[in-house]
Amino acid sequence: MPEEEESTLKLPLVEEELVCSLETGSVQCPSSLRLTGRIKSLSRPLTVVPPRHRAEVSEQEAKRDEKLRLEAEQR
C-alpha cells in the first residue's frame, strides 16, 4: 500500500473539532479520544498562510500548474 493511501482515513461526516499542534504536527480530537488514537501525527508541521498571502500563493500555484500542464502537453 503506498504511503499516501495509508495516511488517508475515510471518516464518516462528523462535526468534531480537530486540534492540530503546529509545533509538533500532532492531531487530537478532544470530543472523541477513540478517534485521537487513530489519527497519526503529521509528517511535518503545518505552515500557516496569512490571509493576505493566500491570494498571492494561489496565483503563483495557478501559474505553476499552467506551466506544468503546457510542458506535459508538449511531450
PDB file of N, CA and C in Angstrom:
ATOM      1  N   MET A   1       0.848  -1.191   0.000  1.00  0.00           N
ATOM      2  CA  MET A   1       0.000   0.000   0.000  1.00  0.00           C
ATOM      3  C   MET A   1       0.891   1.253   0.000  1.00  0.00           C
ATOM      4  N   PRO A   2       0.704   2.160  -0.960  1.00  0.00           N
ATOM      5  CA  PRO A   2       1.536   3.381  -0.997  1.00  0.00           C
ATOM      6  C   PRO A   2       1.348   4.214   0.265  1.00  0.00           C
ATOM      7  N   GLU A   3       2.384   4.929   0.628  1.00  0.00           N
ATOM      8  CA  GLU A   3       2.377   5.727   1.856  1.00  0.00           C
ATOM      9  C   GLU A   3       1.213   6.718   1.889  1.00  0.00           C
ATOM     10  N   GLU A   4       0.909   7.363   0.732  1.00  0.00           N
ATOM     11  CA  GLU A   4      -0.147   8.374   0.716  1.00  0.00           C
ATOM     12  C   GLU A   4      -1.501   7.763   1.050  1.00  0.00           C
ATOM     13  N   GLU A   5      -1.794   6.589   0.473  1.00  0.00           N
ATOM     14  CA  GLU A   5      -3.082   5.960   0.738  1.00  0.00           C
ATOM     15  C   GLU A   5      -3.181   5.537   2.198  1.00  0.00           C
ATOM     16  N   GLU A   6      -2.059   5.103   2.746  1.00  0.00           N
ATOM     17  CA  GLU A   6      -2.040   4.632   4.123  1.00  0.00           C
ATOM     18  C   GLU A   6      -2.425   5.749   5.104  1.00  0.00           C
ATOM     19  N   SER A   7      -2.021   6.985   4.800  1.00  0.00           N
ATOM     20  CA  SER A   7      -2.276   8.077   5.735  1.00  0.00           C
ATOM     21  C   SER A   7      -3.667   8.688   5.551  1.00  0.00           C
ATOM     22  N   THR A   8      -4.420   8.200   4.552  1.00  0.00           N
ATOM     23  CA  THR A   8      -5.762   8.724   4.337  1.00  0.00           C
ATOM     24  C   THR A   8      -6.755   7.889   5.129  1.00  0.00           C
ATOM     25  N   LEU A   9      -7.546   8.549   5.949  1.00  0.00           N
ATOM     26  CA  LEU A   9      -8.515   7.834   6.769  1.00  0.00           C
ATOM     27  C   LEU A   9      -9.908   8.300   6.374  1.00  0.00           C
ATOM     28  N   LYS A  10     -10.723   7.382   5.873  1.00  0.00           N
ATOM     29  CA  LYS A  10     -12.090   7.735   5.483  1.00  0.00           C
ATOM     30  C   LYS A  10     -12.944   7.789   6.755  1.00  0.00           C
ATOM     31  N   LEU A  11     -13.401   8.982   7.084  1.00  0.00           N
ATOM     32  CA  LEU A  11     -14.220   9.149   8.282  1.00  0.00           C
ATOM     33  C   LEU A  11     -15.643   9.503   7.871  1.00  0.00           C
ATOM     34  N   PRO A  12     -16.620   9.034   8.629  1.00  0.00           N
ATOM     35  CA  PRO A  12     -17.984   9.495   8.357  1.00  0.00           C
ATOM     36  C   PRO A  12     -18.039  10.995   8.651  1.00  0.00           C
ATOM     37  N   LEU A  13     -19.031  11.660   8.097  1.00  0.00           N
ATOM     38  CA  LEU A  13     -19.152  13.090   8.364  1.00  0.00           C
ATOM     39  C   LEU A  13     -19.488  13.287   9.832  1.00  0.00           C
ATOM     40  N   VAL A  14     -18.557  13.824  10.550  1.00  0.00           N
ATOM     41  CA  VAL A  14     -18.740  14.017  11.981  1.00  0.00           C
ATOM     42  C   VAL A  14     -18.384  15.462  12.292  1.00  0.00           C
ATOM     43  N   GLU A  15     -19.279  16.124  13.006  1.00  0.00           N
ATOM     44  CA  GLU A  15     -18.997  17.505  13.395  1.00  0.00           C
ATOM     45  C   GLU A  15     -18.135  17.464  14.646  1.00  0.00           C
ATOM     46  N   GLU A  16     -16.844  17.290  14.466  1.00  0.00           N
ATOM     47  CA  GLU A  16     -15.948  17.238  15.615  1.00  0.00           C
ATOM     48  C   GLU A  16     -14.804  18.201  15.369  1.00  0.00           C
ATOM     49  N   GLU A  17     -14.330  18.774  16.436  1.00  0.00           N
ATOM     50  CA  GLU A  17     -13.233  19.720  16.314  1.00  0.00           C
ATOM     51  C   GLU A  17     -11.916  18.974  16.435  1.00  0.00           C
ATOM     52  N   LEU A  18     -11.080  19.106  15.415  1.00  0.00           N
ATOM     53  CA  LEU A  18      -9.754  18.502  15.484  1.00  0.00           C
ATOM     54  C   LEU A  18      -8.778  19.586  15.899  1.00  0.00           C
ATOM     55  N   VAL A  19      -7.931  19.277  16.853  1.00  0.00           N
ATOM     56  CA  VAL A  19      -6.953  20.244  17.315  1.00  0.00           C
ATOM     57  C   VAL A  19      -5.594  19.814  16.797  1.00  0.00           C
ATOM     58  N   CYS A  20      -4.980  20.667  15.997  1.00  0.00           N
ATOM     59  CA  CYS A  20      -3.691  20.323  15.416  1.00  0.00           C
ATOM     60  C   CYS A  20      -2.612  21.220  16.010  1.00  0.00           C
ATOM     61  N   SER A  21      -1.593  20.593  16.567  1.00  0.00           N
ATOM     62  CA  SER A  21      -0.498  21.373  17.121  1.00  0.00           C
ATOM     63  C   SER A  21       0.463  21.735  15.998  1.00  0.00           C
ATOM     64  N   LEU A  22       0.654  23.025  15.772  1.00  0.00           N
ATOM     65  CA  LEU A  22       1.533  23.471  14.689  1.00  0.00           C
ATOM     66  C   LEU A  22       2.991  23.131  14.967  1.00  0.00           C
ATOM     67  N   GLU A  23       3.378  23.111  16.236  1.00  0.00           N
ATOM     68  CA  GLU A  23       4.784  22.843  16.562  1.00  0.00           C
ATOM     69  C   GLU A  23       5.136  21.377  16.325  1.00  0.00           C
ATOM     70  N   THR A  24       4.271  20.484  16.799  1.00  0.00           N
ATOM     71  CA  THR A  24       4.623  19.063  16.750  1.00  0.00           C
ATOM     72  C   THR A  24       3.957  18.315  15.609  1.00  0.00           C
ATOM     73  N   GLY A  25       2.885  18.885  15.054  1.00  0.00           N
ATOM     74  CA  GLY A  25       2.173  18.191  13.992  1.00  0.00           C
ATOM     75  C   GLY A  25       1.221  17.131  14.514  1.00  0.00           C
ATOM     76  N   SER A  26       1.010  17.083  15.843  1.00  0.00           N
ATOM     77  CA  SER A  26       0.092  16.073  16.370  1.00  0.00           C
ATOM     78  C   SER A  26      -1.352  16.568  16.249  1.00  0.00           C
ATOM     79  N   VAL A  27      -2.248  15.629  16.009  1.00  0.00           N
ATOM     80  CA  VAL A  27      -3.655  15.981  15.827  1.00  0.00           C
ATOM     81  C   VAL A  27      -4.475  15.293  16.912  1.00  0.00           C
ATOM     82  N   GLN A  28      -5.298  16.062  17.612  1.00  0.00           N
ATOM     83  CA  GLN A  28      -6.146  15.478  18.645  1.00  0.00           C
ATOM     84  C   GLN A  28      -7.608  15.820  18.411  1.00  0.00           C
ATOM     85  N   CYS A  29      -8.450  14.945  18.862  1.00  0.00           N
ATOM     86  CA  CYS A  29      -9.884  15.156  18.758  1.00  0.00           C
ATOM     87  C   CYS A  29     -10.444  15.128  20.178  1.00  0.00           C
ATOM     88  N   PRO A  30     -10.609  16.303  20.801  1.00  0.00           N
ATOM     89  CA  PRO A  30     -10.995  16.371  22.212  1.00  0.00           C
ATOM     90  C   PRO A  30     -12.292  15.635  22.529  1.00  0.00           C
ATOM     91  N   SER A  31     -13.262  15.672  21.618  1.00  0.00           N
ATOM     92  CA  SER A  31     -14.558  15.074  21.941  1.00  0.00           C
ATOM     93  C   SER A  31     -14.578  13.568  21.715  1.00  0.00           C
ATOM     94  N   SER A  32     -13.563  13.029  21.064  1.00  0.00           N
ATOM     95  CA  SER A  32     -13.539  11.585  20.844  1.00  0.00           C
ATOM     96  C   SER A  32     -12.120  11.049  20.965  1.00  0.00           C
ATOM     97  N   LEU A  33     -11.796  10.547  22.141  1.00  0.00           N
ATOM     98  CA  LEU A  33     -10.451  10.012  22.364  1.00  0.00           C
ATOM     99  C   LEU A  33     -10.206   8.782  21.496  1.00  0.00           C
ATOM    100  N   ARG A  34     -11.279   8.083  21.144  1.00  0.00           N
ATOM    101  CA  ARG A  34     -11.157   6.901  20.293  1.00  0.00           C
ATOM    102  C   ARG A  34     -10.582   7.299  18.924  1.00  0.00           C
ATOM    103  N   LEU A  35     -11.039   8.457  18.427  1.00  0.00           N
ATOM    104  CA  LEU A  35     -10.542   8.953  17.137  1.00  0.00           C
ATOM    105  C   LEU A  35      -9.086   9.393  17.238  1.00  0.00           C
ATOM    106  N   THR A  36      -8.744  10.070  18.338  1.00  0.00           N
ATOM    107  CA  THR A  36      -7.387  10.585  18.505  1.00  0.00           C
ATOM    108  C   THR A  36      -6.353   9.492  18.304  1.00  0.00           C
ATOM    109  N   GLY A  37      -6.634   8.311  18.827  1.00  0.00           N
ATOM    110  CA  GLY A  37      -5.693   7.206  18.688  1.00  0.00           C
ATOM    111  C   GLY A  37      -5.500   6.760  17.252  1.00  0.00           C
ATOM    112  N   ARG A  38      -6.493   7.014  16.393  1.00  0.00           N
ATOM    113  CA  ARG A  38      -6.407   6.570  15.004  1.00  0.00           C
ATOM    114  C   ARG A  38      -5.805   7.627  14.084  1.00  0.00           C
ATOM    115  N   ILE A  39      -5.692   8.846  14.587  1.00  0.00           N
ATOM    116  CA  ILE A  39      -5.142   9.925  13.761  1.00  0.00           C
ATOM    117  C   ILE A  39      -3.642   9.990  13.973  1.00  0.00           C
ATOM    118  N   LYS A  40      -2.892   9.801  12.892  1.00  0.00           N
ATOM    119  CA  LYS A  40      -1.432   9.843  13.012  1.00  0.00           C
ATOM    120  C   LYS A  40      -0.965  11.291  13.058  1.00  0.00           C
ATOM    121  N   SER A  41       0.175  11.496  13.661  1.00  0.00           N
ATOM    122  CA  SER A  41       0.772  12.830  13.636  1.00  0.00           C
ATOM    123  C   SER A  41       1.161  13.156  12.199  1.00  0.00           C
ATOM    124  N   LEU A  42       1.142  14.425  11.878  1.00  0.00           N
ATOM    125  CA  LEU A  42       1.546  14.849  10.540  1.00  0.00           C
ATOM    126  C   LEU A  42       3.036  14.615  10.370  1.00  0.00           C
ATOM    127  N   SER A  43       3.435  14.308   9.130  1.00  0.00           N
ATOM    128  CA  SER A  43       4.852  14.031   8.898  1.00  0.00           C
ATOM    129  C   SER A  43       5.701  15.289   9.063  1.00  0.00           C
ATOM    130  N   ARG A  44       5.101  16.454   8.807  1.00  0.00           N
ATOM    131  CA  ARG A  44       5.824  17.702   9.045  1.00  0.00           C
ATOM    132  C   ARG A  44       4.824  18.722   9.564  1.00  0.00           C
ATOM    133  N   PRO A  45       5.283  19.651  10.383  1.00  0.00           N
ATOM    134  CA  PRO A  45       4.366  20.658  10.931  1.00  0.00           C
ATOM    135  C   PRO A  45       3.693  21.469   9.822  1.00  0.00           C
ATOM    136  N   LEU A  46       2.484  21.895  10.080  1.00  0.00           N
ATOM    137  CA  LEU A  46       1.758  22.710   9.113  1.00  0.00           C
ATOM    138  C   LEU A  46       2.346  24.113   9.063  1.00  0.00           C
ATOM    139  N   THR A  47       2.232  24.741   7.911  1.00  0.00           N
ATOM    140  CA  THR A  47       2.606  26.151   7.843  1.00  0.00           C
ATOM    141  C   THR A  47       1.310  26.942   7.711  1.00  0.00           C
ATOM    142  N   VAL A  48       1.221  28.009   8.452  1.00  0.00           N
ATOM    143  CA  VAL A  48       0.017  28.831   8.413  1.00  0.00           C
ATOM    144  C   VAL A  48       0.256  29.977   7.442  1.00  0.00           C
ATOM    145  N   VAL A  49      -0.649  30.103   6.475  1.00  0.00           N
ATOM    146  CA  VAL A  49      -0.513  31.168   5.482  1.00  0.00           C
ATOM    147  C   VAL A  49      -1.472  32.292   5.858  1.00  0.00           C
ATOM    148  N   PRO A  50      -0.936  33.480   6.137  1.00  0.00           N
ATOM    149  CA  PRO A  50      -1.812  34.610   6.463  1.00  0.00           C
ATOM    150  C   PRO A  50      -2.756  34.897   5.293  1.00  0.00           C
ATOM    151  N   PRO A  51      -3.995  35.331   5.574  1.00  0.00           N
ATOM    152  CA  PRO A  51      -4.992  35.534   4.516  1.00  0.00           C
ATOM    153  C   PRO A  51      -4.508  36.385   3.353  1.00  0.00           C
ATOM    154  N   ARG A  52      -3.746  37.432   3.619  1.00  0.00           N
ATOM    155  CA  ARG A  52      -3.335  38.306   2.516  1.00  0.00           C
ATOM    156  C   ARG A  52      -2.369  37.605   1.568  1.00  0.00           C
ATOM    157  N   HIS A  53      -1.661  36.596   2.071  1.00  0.00           N
ATOM    158  CA  HIS A  53      -0.731  35.869   1.206  1.00  0.00           C
ATOM    159  C   HIS A  53      -1.425  34.768   0.413  1.00  0.00           C
ATOM    160  N   ARG A  54      -2.597  34.350   0.878  1.00  0.00           N
ATOM    161  CA  ARG A  54      -3.283  33.223   0.232  1.00  0.00           C
ATOM    162  C   ARG A  54      -3.551  33.493  -1.236  1.00  0.00           C
ATOM    163  N   ALA A  55      -4.044  34.697  -1.549  1.00  0.00           N
ATOM    164  CA  ALA A  55      -4.356  35.036  -2.939  1.00  0.00           C
ATOM    165  C   ALA A  55      -3.087  34.991  -3.782  1.00  0.00           C
ATOM    166  N   GLU A  56      -1.997  35.553  -3.236  1.00  0.00           N
ATOM    167  CA  GLU A  56      -0.725  35.546  -3.965  1.00  0.00           C
ATOM    168  C   GLU A  56      -0.253  34.115  -4.195  1.00  0.00           C
ATOM    169  N   VAL A  57      -0.343  33.299  -3.159  1.00  0.00           N
ATOM    170  CA  VAL A  57       0.108  31.914  -3.257  1.00  0.00           C
ATOM    171  C   VAL A  57      -0.727  31.163  -4.283  1.00  0.00           C
ATOM    172  N   SER A  58      -2.064  31.340  -4.243  1.00  0.00           N
ATOM    173  CA  SER A  58      -2.894  30.609  -5.194  1.00  0.00           C
ATOM    174  C   SER A  58      -2.647  31.092  -6.620  1.00  0.00           C
ATOM    175  N   GLU A  59      -2.321  32.387  -6.793  1.00  0.00           N
ATOM    176  CA  GLU A  59      -1.957  32.893  -8.126  1.00  0.00           C
ATOM    177  C   GLU A  59      -0.689  32.220  -8.613  1.00  0.00           C
ATOM    178  N   GLN A  60       0.314  32.150  -7.732  1.00  0.00           N
ATOM    179  CA  GLN A  60       1.582  31.511  -8.093  1.00  0.00           C
ATOM    180  C   GLN A  60       1.362  30.044  -8.427  1.00  0.00           C
ATOM    181  N   GLU A  61       0.527  29.366  -7.636  1.00  0.00           N
ATOM    182  CA  GLU A  61       0.248  27.952  -7.885  1.00  0.00           C
ATOM    183  C   GLU A  61      -0.470  27.770  -9.215  1.00  0.00           C
ATOM    184  N   ALA A  62      -1.404  28.673  -9.529  1.00  0.00           N
ATOM    185  CA  ALA A  62      -2.134  28.580 -10.794  1.00  0.00           C
ATOM    186  C   ALA A  62      -1.163  28.731 -11.968  1.00  0.00           C
ATOM    187  N   LYS A  63      -0.237  29.695 -11.851  1.00  0.00           N
ATOM    188  CA  LYS A  63       0.765  29.886 -12.908  1.00  0.00           C
ATOM    189  C   LYS A  63       1.639  28.650 -13.045  1.00  0.00           C
ATOM    190  N   ARG A  64       2.051  28.084 -11.914  1.00  0.00           N
ATOM    191  CA  ARG A  64       2.901  26.891 -11.936  1.00  0.00           C
ATOM    192  C   ARG A  64       2.153  25.713 -12.565  1.00  0.00           C
ATOM    193  N   ASP A  65       0.892  25.527 -12.162  1.00  0.00           N
ATOM    194  CA  ASP A  65       0.086  24.428 -12.709  1.00  0.00           C
ATOM    195  C   ASP A  65      -0.078  24.573 -14.217  1.00  0.00           C
ATOM    196  N   GLU A  66      -0.329  25.801 -14.662  1.00  0.00           N
ATOM    197  CA  GLU A  66      -0.491  26.069 -16.096  1.00  0.00           C
ATOM    198  C   GLU A  66       0.801  25.734 -16.844  1.00  0.00           C
ATOM    199  N   LYS A  67       1.934  26.153 -16.273  1.00  0.00           N
ATOM    200  CA  LYS A  67       3.235  25.884 -16.888  1.00  0.00           C
ATOM    201  C   LYS A  67       3.471  24.372 -16.984  1.00  0.00           C
ATOM    202  N   LEU A  68       3.181  23.655 -15.903  1.00  0.00           N
ATOM    203  CA  LEU A  68       3.358  22.200 -15.896  1.00  0.00           C
ATOM    204  C   LEU A  68       2.437  21.531 -16.914  1.00  0.00           C
ATOM    205  N   ARG A  69       1.203  22.044 -17.033  1.00  0.00           N
ATOM    206  CA  ARG A  69       0.245  21.468 -17.975  1.00  0.00           C
ATOM    207  C   ARG A  69       0.731  21.654 -19.411  1.00  0.00           C
ATOM    208  N   LEU A  70       1.232  22.856 -19.712  1.00  0.00           N
ATOM    209  CA  LEU A  70       1.744  23.136 -21.051  1.00  0.00           C
ATOM    210  C   LEU A  70       2.947  22.253 -21.368  1.00  0.00           C
ATOM    211  N   GLU A  71       3.837  22.089 -20.387  1.00  0.00           N
ATOM    212  CA  GLU A  71       5.006  21.224 -20.588  1.00  0.00           C
ATOM    213  C   GLU A  71       4.575  19.787 -20.849  1.00  0.00           C
ATOM    214  N   ALA A  72       3.562  19.328 -20.120  1.00  0.00           N
ATOM    215  CA  ALA A  72       3.072  17.958 -20.293  1.00  0.00           C
ATOM    216  C   ALA A  72       2.454  17.772 -21.678  1.00  0.00           C
ATOM    217  N   GLU A  73       1.758  18.808 -22.165  1.00  0.00           N
ATOM    218  CA  GLU A  73       1.139  18.724 -23.495  1.00  0.00           C
ATOM    219  C   GLU A  73       2.188  18.665 -24.593  1.00  0.00           C
ATOM    220  N   GLN A  74       3.311  19.338 -24.384  1.00  0.00           N
ATOM    221  CA  GLN A  74       4.362  19.369 -25.407  1.00  0.00           C
ATOM    222  C   GLN A  74       5.089  18.036 -25.531  1.00  0.00           C
ATOM    223  N   ARG A  75       5.070  17.246 -24.459  1.00  0.00           N
ATOM    224  CA  ARG A  75       5.765  15.957 -24.509  1.00  0.00           C
ATOM    225  C   ARG A  75       5.046  14.981 -25.405  1.00  0.00           C
TER     226      ARG A  75
END
